[in-house]
Amino acid sequence: MNNNFIVFSGRASRYLAEKICDSLGCPLGRMLTQTFADGEFGVCFEETIRGKDVFLVQSTFPSADNLMELLLMIDAAKRASAATINAVIPYFGWARQDRKDKPRVAIGAKLVADMLQRAGIDRLITMDLHADQIQGFFDCPVDHLYASNVLAPYIEKEVGLENLVMASPDAGGSKRAFSYSKYFNCPMVMCSKFRDKPNSISHMLLIGDVKGKDVVLCDDMVDTAGTITKAAEVLMENGARSVRAIASHCVMSGPANERVEDSVLKEIVFTDSIPYRGSCSKVKVLSIADLFAETIRRVMNNEPISSQFLIK
């Protein structure tokens, strides 16, 4: 592998960057983040990066400081004459704001894409965007990875395929559930939800048969866990033998931990794209460090990325 590269990390994703570097067999680059009394902060690379391919690891989950820190890292790398600047963003924040769904609203995902490009990135490496079309907001190459590389083997091992049914908690996730069902050659069902107000589900209907089946709900993220726990309840009421959930990004805000703990879910499995800081006995976290390390290696060696995907 070409050794003319270096990996740095923002504060929010250092835990993951360290594992990525362990997988690559390289040290994590030295960087200092200085915070002033008023909350303003600045970044400084503590080793030369002139002429090097720089990979900056930082998920942009709330708060906005995580995004701002990444932007400062990009700007610092550009001004320090890095050969290429590669933003490694396992969780791409603001991705739910991908379109104008009502008048006079911002398209936050496009704004973030513009800021990253204006700051100076040459490539984006990310995973399971909330909407695939966000890739089109970028004019630079986007390597879009899939958490199914780590989640699918887990399902096969822990749940088995004999009695498996894949499920989507809403219409928006039906494509993702179908991809899993096609890969496993198993049936798929879908829940259809109806809201009376934001973050509140009035009722939910099941489309399909789950009687006596081991059901796995799949989603890209779990925020307040209202949808996923309600879907699990509906599946059990319709005769499912067991219900698990898998999701790429562990947002888990507000009452999410309590909802999952008190739900009929047997377990919920996430990746470590976002650090899980809650306490719920039903939450299991799988690492994506090897997936991102292998992608970085392939980028440096000009090898194809898509050949490593299990499910697309």
Protein backbone atom coordinates (compact mmCIF):
# COMPACT_ATOMS: atom_id res chain seq x y z
CA MET A 1 0.00 0.00 0.00
CA ASN A 2 1.14 3.55 -0.79
CA ASN A 3 2.51 5.03 2.45
CA ASN A 4 2.01 8.64 1.33
CA PHE A 5 -1.21 8.99 3.32
CA ILE A 6 -2.17 10.01 6.84
CA VAL A 7 -5.36 9.69 8.91
CA PHE A 8 -6.56 12.37 11.32
CA SER A 9 -9.67 12.49 13.46
CA GLY A 10 -11.95 15.07 14.98
CA ARG A 11 -12.82 14.75 18.64
CA ALA A 12 -16.23 13.15 18.04
CA SER A 13 -14.93 10.16 16.06
CA ARG A 14 -11.50 9.52 17.56
CA TYR A 15 -12.70 6.18 19.00
CA LEU A 16 -13.47 4.98 15.46
CA ALA A 17 -10.41 6.54 13.79
CA GLU A 18 -8.14 4.71 16.22
CA LYS A 19 -9.72 1.38 15.23
CA ILE A 20 -9.45 2.27 11.53
CA CYS A 21 -5.74 3.00 11.99
CA ASP A 22 -5.26 -0.27 13.87
CA SER A 23 -6.82 -2.09 10.91
CA LEU A 24 -4.61 -0.19 8.45
CA GLY A 25 -1.51 -0.73 10.60
CA CYS A 26 -0.67 2.97 10.75
CA PRO A 27 -0.57 5.57 13.54
CA LEU A 28 -3.33 8.15 13.94
CA GLY A 29 -2.07 11.57 12.92
CA ARG A 30 -1.33 14.09 15.65
CA MET A 31 -3.74 17.03 15.78
CA LEU A 32 -4.44 19.65 18.43
CA THR A 33 -7.86 21.23 19.01
CA GLN A 34 -7.69 24.38 21.13
CA THR A 35 -10.88 25.72 22.75
CA PHE A 36 -11.20 29.34 23.85
CA ALA A 37 -13.15 30.63 26.85
CA ASP A 38 -16.15 31.65 24.73
CA GLY A 39 -16.48 28.20 23.14
CA GLU A 40 -14.72 29.01 19.87
CA PHE A 41 -12.14 26.42 18.88
CA GLY A 42 -9.38 25.94 16.34
CA VAL A 43 -7.43 22.99 14.95
CA CYS A 44 -3.76 22.48 14.16
CA PHE A 45 -1.99 19.51 12.56
CA GLU A 46 1.12 18.74 14.60
CA GLU A 47 3.01 17.03 11.79
CA THR A 48 3.68 17.85 8.17
CA ILE A 49 1.08 16.87 5.59
CA ARG A 50 2.58 18.62 2.57
CA GLY A 51 2.06 16.47 -0.53
CA LYS A 52 0.22 13.74 1.39
CA ASP A 53 -3.20 12.18 0.88
CA VAL A 54 -5.09 13.18 4.02
CA PHE A 55 -8.10 11.29 5.41
CA LEU A 56 -10.16 13.22 7.96
CA VAL A 57 -12.49 11.05 10.06
CA GLN A 58 -15.46 12.82 11.63
CA SER A 59 -19.16 11.97 11.84
CA THR A 60 -21.33 15.09 11.79
CA PHE A 61 -23.99 14.18 14.33
CA PRO A 62 -25.21 16.95 16.68
CA SER A 63 -23.96 19.26 17.93
CA ALA A 64 -23.00 21.46 14.98
CA ASP A 65 -19.52 21.74 16.54
CA ASN A 66 -18.67 18.38 14.97
CA LEU A 67 -19.37 19.71 11.48
CA MET A 68 -17.53 22.96 12.20
CA GLU A 69 -14.49 21.08 13.47
CA LEU A 70 -14.42 19.02 10.27
CA LEU A 71 -14.63 22.17 8.14
CA LEU A 72 -11.70 23.68 10.05
CA MET A 73 -9.71 20.47 9.57
CA ILE A 74 -10.36 20.59 5.82
CA ASP A 75 -9.34 24.23 5.60
CA ALA A 76 -6.19 23.61 7.62
CA ALA A 77 -5.24 20.65 5.39
CA LYS A 78 -5.77 22.72 2.23
CA ARG A 79 -3.63 25.58 3.58
CA ALA A 80 -0.92 23.08 4.61
CA SER A 81 -0.58 21.87 0.97
CA ALA A 82 -2.09 18.38 1.32
CA ALA A 83 -2.13 16.52 -2.00
CA THR A 84 -5.74 15.35 -1.56
CA ILE A 85 -8.28 15.86 1.21
CA ASN A 86 -10.66 12.96 1.82
CA ALA A 87 -13.55 13.51 4.23
CA VAL A 88 -14.48 10.26 5.98
CA ILE A 89 -17.96 10.87 7.41
CA PRO A 90 -19.50 7.58 8.62
CA TYR A 91 -22.68 9.40 9.69
CA PHE A 92 -23.62 12.32 7.42
CA GLY A 93 -25.66 14.76 9.51
CA TRP A 94 -28.51 16.91 8.16
CA ALA A 95 -29.22 14.15 5.62
CA ARG A 96 -32.93 14.11 6.50
CA GLN A 97 -33.20 17.61 5.02
CA ASP A 98 -32.67 16.37 1.46
CA ARG A 99 -35.59 18.14 -0.28
CA LYS A 100 -38.25 20.82 0.12
CA ASP A 101 -41.12 18.88 1.65
CA LYS A 102 -43.04 22.10 2.40
CA PRO A 103 -42.69 25.77 1.49
CA ARG A 104 -39.94 28.03 2.87
CA VAL A 105 -37.62 25.35 4.28
CA ALA A 106 -33.88 24.83 3.79
CA ILE A 107 -32.31 21.84 2.05
CA GLY A 108 -29.78 21.21 4.78
CA ALA A 109 -28.04 18.25 3.11
CA LYS A 110 -27.23 20.37 0.02
CA LEU A 111 -25.97 23.21 2.21
CA VAL A 112 -23.61 20.85 4.08
CA ALA A 113 -22.41 19.38 0.77
CA ASP A 114 -21.65 22.87 -0.53
CA MET A 115 -19.76 23.81 2.64
CA LEU A 116 -17.61 20.67 2.51
CA GLN A 117 -16.73 21.24 -1.14
CA ARG A 118 -16.10 24.95 -0.67
CA ALA A 119 -13.81 24.12 2.25
CA GLY A 120 -11.77 21.94 -0.10
CA ILE A 121 -12.55 18.19 -0.02
CA ASP A 122 -11.52 16.05 -3.00
CA ARG A 123 -13.52 12.96 -1.99
CA LEU A 124 -16.27 11.94 0.41
CA ILE A 125 -16.39 8.50 2.04
CA THR A 126 -19.66 7.94 3.90
CA MET A 127 -22.11 5.19 4.81
CA ASP A 128 -25.86 4.63 4.41
CA LEU A 129 -27.01 8.13 3.55
CA HIS A 130 -30.61 8.81 4.57
CA ALA A 131 -31.34 9.47 0.89
CA ASP A 132 -29.16 8.08 -1.91
CA GLN A 133 -29.66 11.17 -4.07
CA ILE A 134 -27.51 13.21 -1.66
CA GLN A 135 -24.54 11.81 -3.61
CA GLY A 136 -25.70 14.05 -6.45
CA PHE A 137 -25.20 17.14 -4.27
CA PHE A 138 -21.44 16.63 -4.62
CA ASP A 139 -19.27 17.33 -7.65
CA CYS A 140 -16.38 15.30 -6.21
CA PRO A 141 -16.27 11.47 -5.99
CA VAL A 142 -18.50 9.94 -3.30
CA ASP A 143 -17.79 6.43 -1.99
CA HIS A 144 -21.11 5.34 -0.47
CA LEU A 145 -20.61 2.33 1.81
CA TYR A 146 -23.23 0.03 3.30
CA ALA A 147 -23.56 -1.16 6.89
CA SER A 148 -25.00 -4.40 5.52
CA ASN A 149 -21.39 -5.58 5.22
CA VAL A 150 -21.35 -6.06 8.99
CA LEU A 151 -25.09 -6.38 9.71
CA ALA A 152 -25.92 -9.13 7.20
CA PRO A 153 -23.39 -11.66 8.56
CA TYR A 154 -24.70 -10.94 12.06
CA ILE A 155 -28.29 -11.72 11.00
CA GLU A 156 -27.21 -14.93 9.30
CA LYS A 157 -25.33 -16.07 12.40
CA GLU A 158 -27.68 -14.96 15.20
CA VAL A 159 -31.12 -15.25 13.59
CA GLY A 160 -30.64 -17.85 10.86
CA LEU A 161 -32.36 -17.99 7.48
CA GLU A 162 -34.88 -20.82 7.92
CA ASN A 163 -37.63 -18.72 9.51
CA LEU A 164 -36.46 -15.21 8.54
CA VAL A 165 -38.61 -12.31 7.37
CA MET A 166 -37.20 -8.84 6.68
CA ALA A 167 -39.38 -5.86 7.53
CA SER A 168 -39.41 -2.13 6.91
CA PRO A 169 -40.84 0.14 9.64
CA ASP A 170 -42.19 2.55 7.00
CA ALA A 171 -42.60 3.00 3.26
CA GLY A 172 -39.37 5.00 2.98
CA GLY A 173 -37.25 2.03 4.06
CA SER A 174 -38.87 -0.53 1.76
CA LYS A 175 -35.97 -0.47 -0.73
CA ARG A 176 -33.50 -1.27 2.04
CA ALA A 177 -35.63 -4.14 3.38
CA PHE A 178 -36.11 -5.50 -0.15
CA SER A 179 -32.33 -5.54 -0.70
CA TYR A 180 -31.87 -7.66 2.44
CA SER A 181 -34.75 -9.99 1.53
CA LYS A 182 -33.32 -10.48 -1.95
CA TYR A 183 -29.87 -11.24 -0.53
CA PHE A 184 -31.23 -13.73 2.02
CA ASN A 185 -33.90 -15.07 -0.38
CA CYS A 186 -36.58 -14.57 2.27
CA PRO A 187 -39.97 -12.80 2.42
CA MET A 188 -40.38 -9.10 3.16
CA VAL A 189 -43.16 -7.17 4.89
CA MET A 190 -43.75 -3.47 5.43
CA CYS A 191 -45.37 -1.29 8.07
CA SER A 192 -47.30 1.78 6.98
CA LYS A 193 -47.40 4.56 9.55
CA PHE A 194 -49.68 7.54 9.91
CA ARG A 195 -48.69 10.63 11.90
CA ASP A 196 -50.95 13.13 13.64
CA LYS A 197 -47.95 15.43 14.30
CA PRO A 198 -44.12 15.30 13.99
CA ASN A 199 -42.49 12.49 16.04
CA SER A 200 -45.95 11.13 16.93
CA ILE A 201 -47.53 8.09 15.24
CA SER A 202 -51.33 7.88 15.39
CA HIS A 203 -51.55 4.32 14.04
CA MET A 204 -49.65 1.76 11.99
CA LEU A 205 -50.71 -1.01 9.60
CA LEU A 206 -48.86 -4.17 8.54
CA ILE A 207 -48.62 -5.24 4.91
CA GLY A 208 -47.67 -8.92 4.72
CA ASP A 209 -47.70 -12.10 6.84
CA VAL A 210 -45.34 -12.66 9.79
CA LYS A 211 -47.17 -15.38 11.72
CA GLY A 212 -44.65 -17.69 13.41
CA LYS A 213 -41.68 -15.88 11.81
CA ASP A 214 -38.45 -14.37 13.15
CA VAL A 215 -38.65 -10.81 11.90
CA VAL A 216 -35.78 -8.35 11.46
CA LEU A 217 -36.69 -4.67 11.09
CA CYS A 218 -34.12 -2.64 9.18
CA ASP A 219 -33.62 1.12 9.02
CA ASP A 220 -30.84 3.60 8.32
CA MET A 221 -31.06 5.33 11.71
CA VAL A 222 -32.98 5.26 14.98
CA ASP A 223 -33.60 8.66 16.55
CA THR A 224 -36.35 8.68 19.21
CA ALA A 225 -37.15 4.98 18.52
CA GLY A 226 -40.88 5.71 18.27
CA THR A 227 -41.30 4.20 14.79
CA ILE A 228 -39.13 1.11 15.32
CA THR A 229 -40.72 0.14 18.65
CA LYS A 230 -44.25 0.72 17.36
CA ALA A 231 -43.48 -1.42 14.30
CA ALA A 232 -42.15 -4.20 16.54
CA GLU A 233 -45.35 -4.07 18.58
CA VAL A 234 -47.49 -4.35 15.44
CA LEU A 235 -45.42 -7.30 14.19
CA MET A 236 -45.81 -9.19 17.48
CA GLU A 237 -49.55 -8.47 17.52
CA ASN A 238 -49.74 -10.06 14.08
CA GLY A 239 -48.14 -13.31 15.23
CA ALA A 240 -44.38 -12.86 14.81
CA ARG A 241 -42.33 -15.32 16.89
CA SER A 242 -39.57 -12.76 17.56
CA VAL A 243 -38.62 -9.26 16.41
CA ARG A 244 -35.15 -7.76 16.19
CA ALA A 245 -34.02 -4.50 14.63
CA ILE A 246 -30.90 -3.43 12.79
CA ALA A 247 -29.91 0.14 11.92
CA SER A 248 -26.79 1.79 10.57
CA HIS A 249 -26.70 4.87 12.79
CA CYS A 250 -27.32 4.96 16.54
CA VAL A 251 -28.76 8.45 17.02
CA MET A 252 -30.87 7.33 20.03
CA SER A 253 -31.97 10.72 21.35
CA GLY A 254 -34.57 11.73 23.93
CA PRO A 255 -36.64 8.79 25.22
CA ALA A 256 -35.10 6.28 22.79
CA ASN A 257 -33.26 4.13 25.35
CA GLU A 258 -36.31 3.76 27.58
CA ARG A 259 -38.56 2.98 24.62
CA VAL A 260 -36.26 0.24 23.35
CA GLU A 261 -35.76 -1.22 26.83
CA ASP A 262 -39.52 -1.39 27.43
CA SER A 263 -40.35 -2.63 23.92
CA VAL A 264 -41.03 -6.11 22.58
CA LEU A 265 -37.79 -5.99 20.61
CA LYS A 266 -35.45 -8.86 21.39
CA GLU A 267 -32.45 -6.66 20.51
CA ILE A 268 -31.44 -3.74 18.31
CA VAL A 269 -28.11 -3.78 16.51
CA PHE A 270 -26.21 -0.67 15.39
CA THR A 271 -22.82 0.17 13.95
CA ASP A 272 -20.35 2.48 15.69
CA SER A 273 -20.71 5.29 13.12
CA ILE A 274 -21.97 7.28 16.12
CA PRO A 275 -20.71 6.51 19.63
CA TYR A 276 -23.39 4.88 21.78
CA ARG A 277 -23.39 6.53 25.20
CA GLY A 278 -26.71 5.25 26.49
CA SER A 279 -27.50 2.31 28.75
CA CYS A 280 -29.92 -0.19 27.25
CA SER A 281 -29.51 -3.93 27.65
CA LYS A 282 -31.05 -4.58 24.22
CA VAL A 283 -28.53 -2.48 22.27
CA LYS A 284 -25.60 -4.20 20.53
CA VAL A 285 -22.93 -2.30 18.57
CA LEU A 286 -20.85 -3.72 15.70
CA SER A 287 -17.75 -1.96 14.40
CA ILE A 288 -17.37 -0.63 10.85
CA ALA A 289 -13.67 0.16 11.32
CA ASP A 290 -12.47 -2.66 9.05
CA LEU A 291 -14.95 -1.63 6.34
CA PHE A 292 -13.65 1.94 6.29
CA ALA A 293 -10.03 0.86 6.59
CA GLU A 294 -10.40 -1.42 3.58
CA THR A 295 -12.05 1.41 1.63
CA ILE A 296 -9.18 3.77 2.43
CA ARG A 297 -6.71 1.09 1.34
CA ARG A 298 -8.56 0.61 -1.96
CA VAL A 299 -8.73 4.35 -2.60
CA MET A 300 -4.98 4.62 -2.10
CA ASN A 301 -4.34 1.65 -4.40
CA ASN A 302 -6.85 2.77 -7.06
CA GLU A 303 -8.86 -0.43 -6.58
CA PRO A 304 -12.66 -0.75 -6.98
CA ILE A 305 -14.82 -0.10 -3.93
CA SER A 306 -18.04 -1.81 -5.03
CA SER A 307 -16.55 -5.31 -5.14
CA GLN A 308 -16.47 -5.45 -1.32
CA PHE A 309 -20.24 -4.86 -0.91
CA LEU A 310 -22.49 -7.72 0.13
CA ILE A 311 -25.77 -5.85 -0.40
CA LYS A 312 -26.16 -2.71 -2.52
